[in-house]
């Protein structure tokens, strides 16, 4: 505020240095004083102007802003409106250019160059900025109002009426708040450079960090376009393994930017992939959601399938050759899934059986490297899953046979029961537990 007060004359200086010349000039032309705004209106507008200029980034206070101030000081409010609006248009064009012409063209599904941007009418530019989310809905609404005012009450076209000081300051305020804003400095990510970057084998931490930083410093609109692009490239079977791994690594680092709009786009593409190409793109998409800890957004049937496959893979590893070593990665994967999404009721029995089977082990022992995963999952069993855990002892299965045939397996089953807090059991479950403990 102080800086702007030093730049702009105060009202007393205006009265002494400006008003006499305005009045003399009008008098010389033998015109009524009403051809310009009154001294009272100029003084009011002039008093409020520094506060609005404070909203404008210093580097954007260019000749247009100077002309706006001069026009205001002499009562040419229609001229001030035009200068302020032109500053808005130039700033919006800068935002679009920083976003990247190639990305804009991709969004519009047509070639888009700087010449096309300059040829856009004001309403078309506002529409484009809103579509690219460079303008909020509120900003789009108020700037559209400003556009109508500029067209009807400024020197750009024959004016249908004069506006007063309050209307002028409101107009300038909205231009500064929604149009001539700080985010014009955001630098868009060049699409071709990003694509080239993700094809580099073995991206190191520093390189990935530089990409993440560029995402942080770009427009929100561009993030909402580029993150789904990384997802789609990961799911594309024609992408190299290097590119797919890099896309996943970068996506993991950008998880904090996954807002509702981005997730909605990913879900729509996921459904499309599952319908059109389930075995390739659909499976890749599901794995992407799993690695991003976003399984909760998938349908219950998809969640069931993910749990079922993870349980079946762990079961096969447990019953396969060298199971004590091979179980570990499958146990870890099932554990990670369990942290990410609630089990569907349809998979609970299979889930409990697989985990307890592996935790109890066989006559030769257990997979020590996987035991902590099993313990953690057992401790987080739901009440329904606790039912399945207790029922194992009374059902005729391979697991029940192990428990009753081998003392070490019975001991580990009791250890599994001991991982459940008895205070979380209902009376019926406690009754079953007591029966097991007395046998």
Protein backbone atom coordinates (compact mmCIF):
# COMPACT_ATOMS: atom_id res chain seq x y z
CA UNK A 1 0.00 0.00 0.00
CA UNK A 2 2.78 2.41 0.93
CA UNK A 3 4.61 1.80 -2.34
CA UNK A 4 1.49 2.58 -4.35
CA UNK A 5 0.78 5.71 -2.32
CA UNK A 6 4.25 6.91 -3.21
CA UNK A 7 3.55 6.30 -6.88
CA UNK A 8 0.03 7.77 -6.95
CA UNK A 9 -0.64 11.38 -5.98
CA UNK A 10 -2.89 11.88 -2.99
CA UNK A 11 -6.21 13.68 -3.36
CA UNK A 12 -4.88 17.06 -2.25
CA UNK A 13 -2.13 16.89 -4.89
CA UNK A 14 -4.75 15.83 -7.42
CA UNK A 15 -6.83 18.89 -6.59
CA UNK A 16 -3.84 21.22 -6.89
CA UNK A 17 -2.05 19.74 -9.91
CA UNK A 18 -4.64 17.99 -12.07
CA UNK A 19 -8.15 19.35 -11.59
CA UNK A 20 -7.31 22.96 -12.57
CA UNK A 21 -5.95 21.85 -15.93
CA UNK A 22 -8.94 19.56 -16.58
CA UNK A 23 -11.39 22.33 -15.79
CA UNK A 24 -9.44 24.86 -17.88
CA UNK A 25 -9.33 22.48 -20.86
CA UNK A 26 -13.07 21.81 -20.73
CA UNK A 27 -13.75 25.52 -20.40
CA UNK A 28 -11.56 26.31 -23.41
CA UNK A 29 -13.65 23.94 -25.51
CA UNK A 30 -16.79 25.56 -24.10
CA UNK A 31 -18.14 22.19 -22.99
CA UNK A 32 -20.09 21.36 -19.82
CA UNK A 33 -18.08 19.90 -16.93
CA UNK A 34 -20.23 16.72 -17.12
CA UNK A 35 -18.33 15.48 -20.18
CA UNK A 36 -15.95 13.93 -17.64
CA UNK A 37 -16.56 12.37 -14.26
CA UNK A 38 -17.06 14.88 -11.48
CA UNK A 39 -14.23 15.86 -9.15
CA UNK A 40 -15.98 14.04 -6.29
CA UNK A 41 -16.18 10.82 -8.32
CA UNK A 42 -12.54 11.10 -9.38
CA UNK A 43 -11.47 11.67 -5.76
CA UNK A 44 -13.40 8.60 -4.58
CA UNK A 45 -12.03 6.37 -7.33
CA UNK A 46 -8.51 7.74 -6.84
CA UNK A 47 -8.64 7.06 -3.10
CA UNK A 48 -9.60 3.38 -3.68
CA UNK A 49 -7.26 2.74 -6.60
CA UNK A 50 -4.04 1.92 -4.63
CA UNK A 51 -5.75 -0.97 -2.84
CA UNK A 52 -6.69 -2.55 -6.17
CA UNK A 53 -3.23 -1.99 -7.68
CA UNK A 54 -1.78 -3.85 -4.70
CA UNK A 55 -3.48 -6.96 -6.08
CA UNK A 56 -1.55 -6.72 -9.33
CA UNK A 57 1.87 -8.43 -9.38
CA UNK A 58 4.57 -5.73 -9.62
CA UNK A 59 5.86 -7.02 -12.96
CA UNK A 60 2.35 -6.69 -14.48
CA UNK A 61 2.00 -3.00 -13.55
CA UNK A 62 2.91 -2.00 -17.09
CA UNK A 63 1.91 0.82 -19.42
CA UNK A 64 -1.69 -0.39 -19.50
CA UNK A 65 -1.97 0.01 -15.74
CA UNK A 66 -0.31 3.45 -15.97
CA UNK A 67 -2.84 4.49 -18.62
CA UNK A 68 -5.66 3.13 -16.48
CA UNK A 69 -4.45 5.30 -13.57
CA UNK A 70 -4.08 8.41 -15.72
CA UNK A 71 -7.51 7.89 -17.28
CA UNK A 72 -8.99 7.55 -13.80
CA UNK A 73 -7.23 10.72 -12.56
CA UNK A 74 -8.80 12.88 -15.26
CA UNK A 75 -12.25 11.29 -15.11
CA UNK A 76 -12.01 9.15 -18.27
CA UNK A 77 -13.57 6.13 -16.60
CA UNK A 78 -14.55 4.61 -19.94
CA UNK A 79 -10.88 4.66 -20.96
CA UNK A 80 -9.73 3.23 -17.61
CA UNK A 81 -12.11 0.31 -18.13
CA UNK A 82 -10.64 -0.45 -21.53
CA UNK A 83 -7.03 -0.38 -20.29
CA UNK A 84 -7.83 -2.65 -17.34
CA UNK A 85 -9.63 -5.13 -19.61
CA UNK A 86 -6.76 -5.21 -22.12
CA UNK A 87 -4.41 -6.05 -19.23
CA UNK A 88 -6.70 -8.97 -18.35
CA UNK A 89 -6.69 -10.30 -21.91
CA UNK A 90 -2.90 -10.12 -22.20
CA UNK A 91 -2.47 -11.92 -18.87
CA UNK A 92 -4.90 -14.69 -19.84
CA UNK A 93 -3.07 -15.19 -23.13
CA UNK A 94 0.19 -15.48 -21.19
CA UNK A 95 -1.35 -18.16 -18.99
CA UNK A 96 -2.47 -20.17 -22.01
CA UNK A 97 0.96 -19.86 -23.62
CA UNK A 98 2.67 -20.98 -20.42
CA UNK A 99 0.35 -23.96 -20.22
CA UNK A 100 1.70 -25.07 -23.59
CA UNK A 101 0.26 -24.87 -27.07
CA UNK A 102 0.64 -28.60 -27.67
CA UNK A 103 -1.28 -29.42 -24.50
CA UNK A 104 -4.01 -26.94 -25.41
CA UNK A 105 -4.23 -28.51 -28.83
CA UNK A 106 -4.48 -31.95 -27.27
CA UNK A 107 -7.32 -30.73 -25.07
CA UNK A 108 -9.14 -29.18 -28.04
CA UNK A 109 -8.37 -32.13 -30.33
CA UNK A 110 -6.95 -29.83 -32.98
CA UNK A 111 -3.77 -27.99 -33.84
CA UNK A 112 -3.41 -24.83 -31.79
CA UNK A 113 -0.72 -22.19 -32.28
CA UNK A 114 0.09 -18.72 -30.96
CA UNK A 115 -1.66 -17.14 -33.95
CA UNK A 116 -4.84 -19.03 -33.08
CA UNK A 117 -4.62 -17.71 -29.55
CA UNK A 118 -4.33 -14.09 -30.71
CA UNK A 119 -7.25 -14.54 -33.09
CA UNK A 120 -9.61 -15.63 -30.32
CA UNK A 121 -12.38 -13.25 -29.42
CA UNK A 122 -12.52 -12.23 -25.77
CA UNK A 123 -15.46 -14.55 -25.03
CA UNK A 124 -13.64 -17.42 -26.75
CA UNK A 125 -10.53 -16.77 -24.66
CA UNK A 126 -12.58 -16.80 -21.46
CA UNK A 127 -14.26 -20.04 -22.55
CA UNK A 128 -10.89 -21.60 -23.33
CA UNK A 129 -9.38 -20.54 -20.00
CA UNK A 130 -12.41 -21.95 -18.18
CA UNK A 131 -12.17 -25.23 -20.10
CA UNK A 132 -8.46 -25.45 -19.30
CA UNK A 133 -9.31 -24.58 -15.66
CA UNK A 134 -7.11 -21.51 -15.76
CA UNK A 135 -10.23 -19.70 -14.55
CA UNK A 136 -12.46 -20.82 -11.72
CA UNK A 137 -16.22 -20.87 -12.19
CA UNK A 138 -16.42 -17.72 -10.07
CA UNK A 139 -13.66 -16.01 -12.05
CA UNK A 140 -15.27 -16.98 -15.35
CA UNK A 141 -18.62 -15.56 -14.20
CA UNK A 142 -17.28 -12.21 -13.00
CA UNK A 143 -14.89 -11.70 -15.92
CA UNK A 144 -17.77 -12.35 -18.30
CA UNK A 145 -19.63 -9.57 -16.55
CA UNK A 146 -16.56 -7.35 -16.95
CA UNK A 147 -16.46 -8.21 -20.65
CA UNK A 148 -20.06 -7.03 -21.07
CA UNK A 149 -19.30 -3.80 -19.20
CA UNK A 150 -16.21 -3.18 -21.30
CA UNK A 151 -18.20 -3.74 -24.53
CA UNK A 152 -21.01 -1.39 -23.53
CA UNK A 153 -19.47 1.24 -21.27
CA UNK A 154 -15.90 1.80 -22.50
CA UNK A 155 -14.17 3.60 -25.33
CA UNK A 156 -13.79 0.26 -27.16
CA UNK A 157 -17.30 0.77 -28.56
CA UNK A 158 -19.83 3.58 -28.51
CA UNK A 159 -20.91 3.75 -24.88
CA UNK A 160 -24.58 3.34 -24.02
CA UNK A 161 -24.13 5.25 -20.73
CA UNK A 162 -21.53 6.53 -18.29
CA UNK A 163 -20.42 4.56 -15.25
CA UNK A 164 -19.70 6.13 -11.88
CA UNK A 165 -16.73 5.80 -9.53
CA UNK A 166 -18.12 2.84 -7.60
CA UNK A 167 -18.79 0.86 -10.76
CA UNK A 168 -15.29 1.65 -12.02
CA UNK A 169 -13.58 0.44 -8.83
CA UNK A 170 -15.71 -2.71 -8.78
CA UNK A 171 -14.72 -3.39 -12.40
CA UNK A 172 -11.00 -2.85 -11.71
CA UNK A 173 -11.23 -4.94 -8.54
CA UNK A 174 -12.65 -7.93 -10.42
CA UNK A 175 -10.10 -7.59 -13.19
CA UNK A 176 -7.28 -7.60 -10.64
CA UNK A 177 -8.73 -10.43 -8.55
CA UNK A 178 -9.60 -12.86 -11.33
CA UNK A 179 -7.63 -11.77 -14.40
CA UNK A 180 -4.35 -9.99 -13.66
CA UNK A 181 -3.20 -12.58 -11.14
CA UNK A 182 0.01 -14.02 -9.75
CA UNK A 183 -0.37 -17.47 -11.33
CA UNK A 184 0.46 -16.05 -14.76
CA UNK A 185 4.08 -16.85 -13.81
CA UNK A 186 3.41 -20.59 -13.65
CA UNK A 187 5.49 -22.36 -16.26
CA UNK A 188 3.77 -25.14 -18.10
CA UNK A 189 5.47 -28.49 -18.65
CA UNK A 190 6.30 -29.14 -22.28
CA UNK A 191 4.58 -32.35 -23.25
CA UNK A 192 7.25 -33.61 -25.68
CA UNK A 193 9.99 -33.02 -23.08
CA UNK A 194 8.07 -34.99 -20.46
CA UNK A 195 7.51 -37.88 -22.87
CA UNK A 196 11.21 -37.92 -23.75
CA UNK A 197 12.11 -37.82 -20.07
CA UNK A 198 10.06 -40.86 -19.08
CA UNK A 199 11.80 -42.93 -21.75
CA UNK A 200 15.15 -42.52 -19.94
CA UNK A 201 16.22 -45.84 -18.38
CA UNK A 202 16.84 -45.92 -14.63
CA UNK A 203 15.65 -42.46 -13.68
CA UNK A 204 17.41 -41.58 -10.45
CA UNK A 205 15.92 -39.86 -7.40
CA UNK A 206 17.21 -36.45 -8.44
CA UNK A 207 15.70 -36.70 -11.93
CA UNK A 208 12.32 -37.81 -10.59
CA UNK A 209 12.43 -34.98 -8.04
CA UNK A 210 12.99 -32.45 -10.82
CA UNK A 211 9.88 -33.74 -12.62
CA UNK A 212 7.85 -33.61 -9.42
CA UNK A 213 9.02 -30.04 -8.80
CA UNK A 214 7.92 -29.03 -12.29
CA UNK A 215 4.48 -30.48 -11.55
CA UNK A 216 4.33 -28.51 -8.31
CA UNK A 217 5.13 -25.27 -10.12
CA UNK A 218 2.75 -25.64 -13.03
CA UNK A 219 -0.93 -24.86 -13.34
CA UNK A 220 -3.48 -27.03 -11.58
CA UNK A 221 -5.11 -27.41 -14.99
CA UNK A 222 -1.97 -28.93 -16.47
CA UNK A 223 -1.60 -31.39 -13.60
CA UNK A 224 -5.14 -32.54 -14.27
CA UNK A 225 -4.18 -33.24 -17.88
CA UNK A 226 -0.71 -34.72 -17.42
CA UNK A 227 -1.33 -37.10 -14.51
CA UNK A 228 -4.00 -39.04 -16.45
CA UNK A 229 -1.54 -39.07 -19.37
CA UNK A 230 1.06 -40.82 -17.17
CA UNK A 231 -1.62 -43.32 -16.14
CA UNK A 232 -2.67 -43.99 -19.73
CA UNK A 233 0.93 -44.43 -20.85
CA UNK A 234 1.48 -46.90 -18.03
CA UNK A 235 -1.56 -48.92 -19.12
CA UNK A 236 -0.62 -48.86 -22.82
CA UNK A 237 0.78 -52.23 -23.86
CA UNK A 238 2.80 -50.48 -26.58
CA UNK A 239 4.74 -48.46 -23.99
CA UNK A 240 8.21 -49.68 -23.18
CA UNK A 241 8.82 -51.25 -19.79
CA UNK A 242 11.15 -48.36 -18.99
CA UNK A 243 8.42 -45.78 -19.69
CA UNK A 244 5.82 -47.76 -17.73
CA UNK A 245 8.08 -48.04 -14.67
CA UNK A 246 8.94 -44.34 -14.84
CA UNK A 247 5.28 -43.36 -15.18
CA UNK A 248 4.45 -45.37 -12.08
CA UNK A 249 7.39 -43.98 -10.11
CA UNK A 250 6.47 -40.39 -11.00
CA UNK A 251 2.79 -41.03 -10.24
CA UNK A 252 3.67 -42.31 -6.77
CA UNK A 253 5.55 -39.08 -6.07
CA UNK A 254 2.59 -37.03 -7.31
CA UNK A 255 -0.01 -38.81 -5.16
CA UNK A 256 -0.70 -35.65 -3.14
CA UNK A 257 -1.97 -33.95 -6.30
CA UNK A 258 -4.59 -36.63 -7.01
CA UNK A 259 -7.74 -34.59 -6.37
CA UNK A 260 -11.34 -35.62 -7.03
CA UNK A 261 -11.27 -34.48 -10.66
CA UNK A 262 -8.13 -36.45 -11.47
CA UNK A 263 -9.42 -39.57 -9.73
CA UNK A 264 -12.70 -39.25 -11.59
CA UNK A 265 -10.86 -39.16 -14.94
CA UNK A 266 -8.77 -42.20 -13.97
CA UNK A 267 -11.87 -44.16 -12.95
CA UNK A 268 -13.63 -43.38 -16.22
CA UNK A 269 -10.62 -44.58 -18.20
CA UNK A 270 -10.29 -47.63 -15.96
CA UNK A 271 -13.88 -48.65 -16.70
CA UNK A 272 -13.28 -48.09 -20.41
CA UNK A 273 -10.13 -50.22 -20.33
CA UNK A 274 -11.89 -53.02 -18.44
CA UNK A 275 -14.70 -53.10 -20.98
CA UNK A 276 -12.60 -52.88 -24.13
CA UNK A 277 -9.36 -54.61 -23.16
CA UNK A 278 -9.68 -56.39 -19.82
CA UNK A 279 -6.65 -58.68 -20.14
CA UNK A 280 -4.12 -56.02 -21.01
CA UNK A 281 -5.09 -52.44 -20.25
CA UNK A 282 -7.69 -53.48 -17.66
CA UNK A 283 -5.21 -55.57 -15.70
CA UNK A 284 -2.53 -52.88 -15.97
CA UNK A 285 -5.00 -50.28 -14.73
CA UNK A 286 -6.01 -52.42 -11.77
CA UNK A 287 -2.36 -52.91 -10.82
CA UNK A 288 -1.81 -49.14 -11.13
CA UNK A 289 -4.68 -48.49 -8.70
CA UNK A 290 -3.23 -51.09 -6.35
CA UNK A 291 0.25 -49.56 -6.36
CA UNK A 292 -1.23 -46.10 -5.82
CA UNK A 293 -3.22 -47.38 -2.80
CA UNK A 294 -6.46 -46.42 -4.56
CA UNK A 295 -8.30 -49.74 -4.62
CA UNK A 296 -11.10 -48.26 -2.53
CA UNK A 297 -12.29 -46.40 -5.64
CA UNK A 298 -12.90 -49.61 -7.60
CA UNK A 299 -16.16 -51.56 -7.59
CA UNK A 300 -16.76 -54.28 -5.01
CA UNK A 301 -16.57 -57.00 -7.65
CA UNK A 302 -13.17 -55.68 -8.75
CA UNK A 303 -12.00 -55.57 -5.15
CA UNK A 304 -13.16 -59.16 -4.70
CA UNK A 305 -11.20 -60.23 -7.78
CA UNK A 306 -8.04 -58.46 -6.55
CA UNK A 307 -8.25 -60.10 -3.13
CA UNK A 308 -9.09 -63.48 -4.65
CA UNK A 309 -6.07 -63.43 -6.97
CA UNK A 310 -3.76 -62.28 -4.17
CA UNK A 311 -5.04 -65.03 -1.86
CA UNK A 312 -4.77 -67.66 -4.58
CA UNK A 313 -1.19 -66.63 -5.45
CA UNK A 314 -0.20 -66.80 -1.79
CA UNK A 315 -1.93 -70.17 -1.40
CA UNK A 316 -0.07 -71.57 -4.42
CA UNK A 317 3.25 -70.23 -3.16
CA UNK A 318 2.62 -71.78 0.26
CA UNK A 319 1.91 -75.17 -1.29
CA UNK A 320 4.71 -74.92 -3.82
CA UNK A 321 8.41 -75.74 -3.80
CA UNK A 322 10.59 -73.78 -1.36
CA UNK A 323 7.48 -72.15 0.06
CA UNK A 324 9.20 -70.64 3.10
CA UNK A 325 11.19 -68.40 0.78
CA UNK A 326 8.61 -67.87 -1.99
CA UNK A 327 5.73 -66.90 0.30
CA UNK A 328 7.23 -63.59 1.39
CA UNK A 329 6.46 -61.32 -1.63
CA UNK A 330 2.94 -62.75 -1.94
CA UNK A 331 2.29 -62.24 1.77
CA UNK A 332 3.57 -58.68 1.49
CA UNK A 333 1.31 -57.94 -1.47
CA UNK A 334 -1.80 -59.27 0.32
CA UNK A 335 -0.84 -57.22 3.38
CA UNK A 336 -0.50 -54.03 1.28
CA UNK A 337 -3.89 -54.65 -0.31
CA UNK A 338 -5.47 -55.17 3.11
CA UNK A 339 -4.16 -51.78 4.25
CA UNK A 340 -5.61 -50.05 1.21
CA UNK A 341 -9.16 -51.30 1.00
CA UNK A 342 -11.79 -53.00 3.13
CA UNK A 343 -12.44 -56.63 2.27
CA UNK A 344 -15.70 -57.38 0.47
CA UNK A 345 -17.85 -59.83 2.45
CA UNK A 346 -17.60 -62.29 -0.43
CA UNK A 347 -13.84 -62.75 0.01
CA UNK A 348 -13.55 -62.76 3.81
CA UNK A 349 -13.64 -66.53 4.29
CA UNK A 350 -11.02 -67.13 1.58
CA UNK A 351 -8.88 -64.32 3.02
CA UNK A 352 -8.96 -65.68 6.57
CA UNK A 353 -8.35 -69.27 5.52
CA UNK A 354 -5.32 -68.39 3.36
CA UNK A 355 -3.68 -66.22 6.02
CA UNK A 356 -4.23 -68.69 8.87
CA UNK A 357 -3.09 -71.62 6.71
CA UNK A 358 0.20 -69.86 6.04
CA UNK A 359 0.57 -68.63 9.62
CA UNK A 360 0.02 -72.11 11.03
CA UNK A 361 2.41 -73.53 8.44
CA UNK A 362 3.13 -77.22 7.92
CA UNK A 363 4.97 -79.93 9.92
CA UNK A 364 8.29 -78.45 8.75
CA UNK A 365 7.67 -74.93 10.02
CA UNK A 366 6.60 -71.54 8.72
CA UNK A 367 7.92 -68.79 6.48
CA UNK A 368 9.70 -66.64 9.07
CA UNK A 369 10.08 -63.73 6.65
CA UNK A 370 6.31 -63.57 6.11
CA UNK A 371 5.15 -64.15 9.69
CA UNK A 372 4.88 -60.44 10.59
CA UNK A 373 2.58 -59.83 7.63
CA UNK A 374 0.30 -62.65 8.77
CA UNK A 375 0.27 -61.44 12.37
CA UNK A 376 -0.64 -57.91 11.32
CA UNK A 377 -3.50 -59.09 9.11
CA UNK A 378 -4.86 -61.42 11.82
CA UNK A 379 -4.79 -58.62 14.39
CA UNK A 380 -6.92 -56.53 12.04
CA UNK A 381 -9.57 -59.17 11.36
CA UNK A 382 -13.13 -57.82 11.36
CA UNK A 383 -15.79 -59.42 13.62
CA UNK A 384 -16.99 -61.47 10.65
CA UNK A 385 -13.44 -62.61 9.94
CA UNK A 386 -12.98 -63.58 13.59
CA UNK A 387 -15.99 -65.87 13.09
CA UNK A 388 -14.19 -67.56 10.19
CA UNK A 389 -11.01 -67.86 12.26
CA UNK A 390 -12.86 -69.69 15.05
CA UNK A 391 -14.85 -71.88 12.64
CA UNK A 392 -11.64 -73.24 11.13
CA UNK A 393 -11.26 -75.56 14.12
CA UNK A 394 -14.70 -77.12 13.53
CA UNK A 395 -14.60 -77.41 9.71
CA UNK A 396 -13.24 -80.30 7.69
CA UNK A 397 -10.42 -78.73 5.70
CA UNK A 398 -6.73 -79.22 5.03
CA UNK A 399 -6.03 -76.55 7.63
CA UNK A 400 -8.14 -78.28 10.31
CA UNK A 401 -6.34 -81.54 9.55
CA UNK A 402 -2.95 -79.85 10.06
CA UNK A 403 -4.08 -78.28 13.32
CA UNK A 404 -5.36 -81.55 14.76
CA UNK A 405 -2.58 -83.73 13.34
CA UNK A 406 0.53 -81.76 14.28
CA UNK A 407 1.14 -80.29 17.74
CA UNK A 408 3.27 -77.44 16.35
CA UNK A 409 0.45 -76.46 13.99
CA UNK A 410 -2.06 -76.58 16.89
CA UNK A 411 0.27 -74.36 18.93
CA UNK A 412 0.52 -71.80 16.15
CA UNK A 413 -3.27 -71.85 15.67
CA UNK A 414 -3.65 -70.98 19.35
CA UNK A 415 -1.09 -68.21 18.80
CA UNK A 416 -3.31 -66.89 16.01
CA UNK A 417 -6.30 -66.90 18.34
CA UNK A 418 -4.18 -65.09 20.91
CA UNK A 419 -3.60 -62.24 18.49
CA UNK A 420 -7.30 -61.34 18.72
CA UNK A 421 -8.24 -59.03 21.58
CA UNK A 422 -10.86 -60.92 23.57
CA UNK A 423 -12.64 -57.64 24.29
CA UNK A 424 -13.47 -57.39 20.60
CA UNK A 425 -15.29 -60.78 20.66
CA UNK A 426 -18.99 -61.20 21.29
CA UNK A 427 -20.39 -63.77 23.71
CA UNK A 428 -20.92 -66.40 21.01
CA UNK A 429 -17.33 -66.07 19.81
CA UNK A 430 -15.98 -66.28 23.37
CA UNK A 431 -17.97 -69.47 23.86
CA UNK A 432 -16.37 -70.99 20.74
CA UNK A 433 -12.94 -69.86 21.90
CA UNK A 434 -13.43 -71.56 25.27
CA UNK A 435 -14.42 -74.82 23.57
CA UNK A 436 -11.25 -74.71 21.45
CA UNK A 437 -9.04 -73.99 24.45
CA UNK A 438 -10.46 -76.88 26.46
CA UNK A 439 -9.75 -79.47 23.77
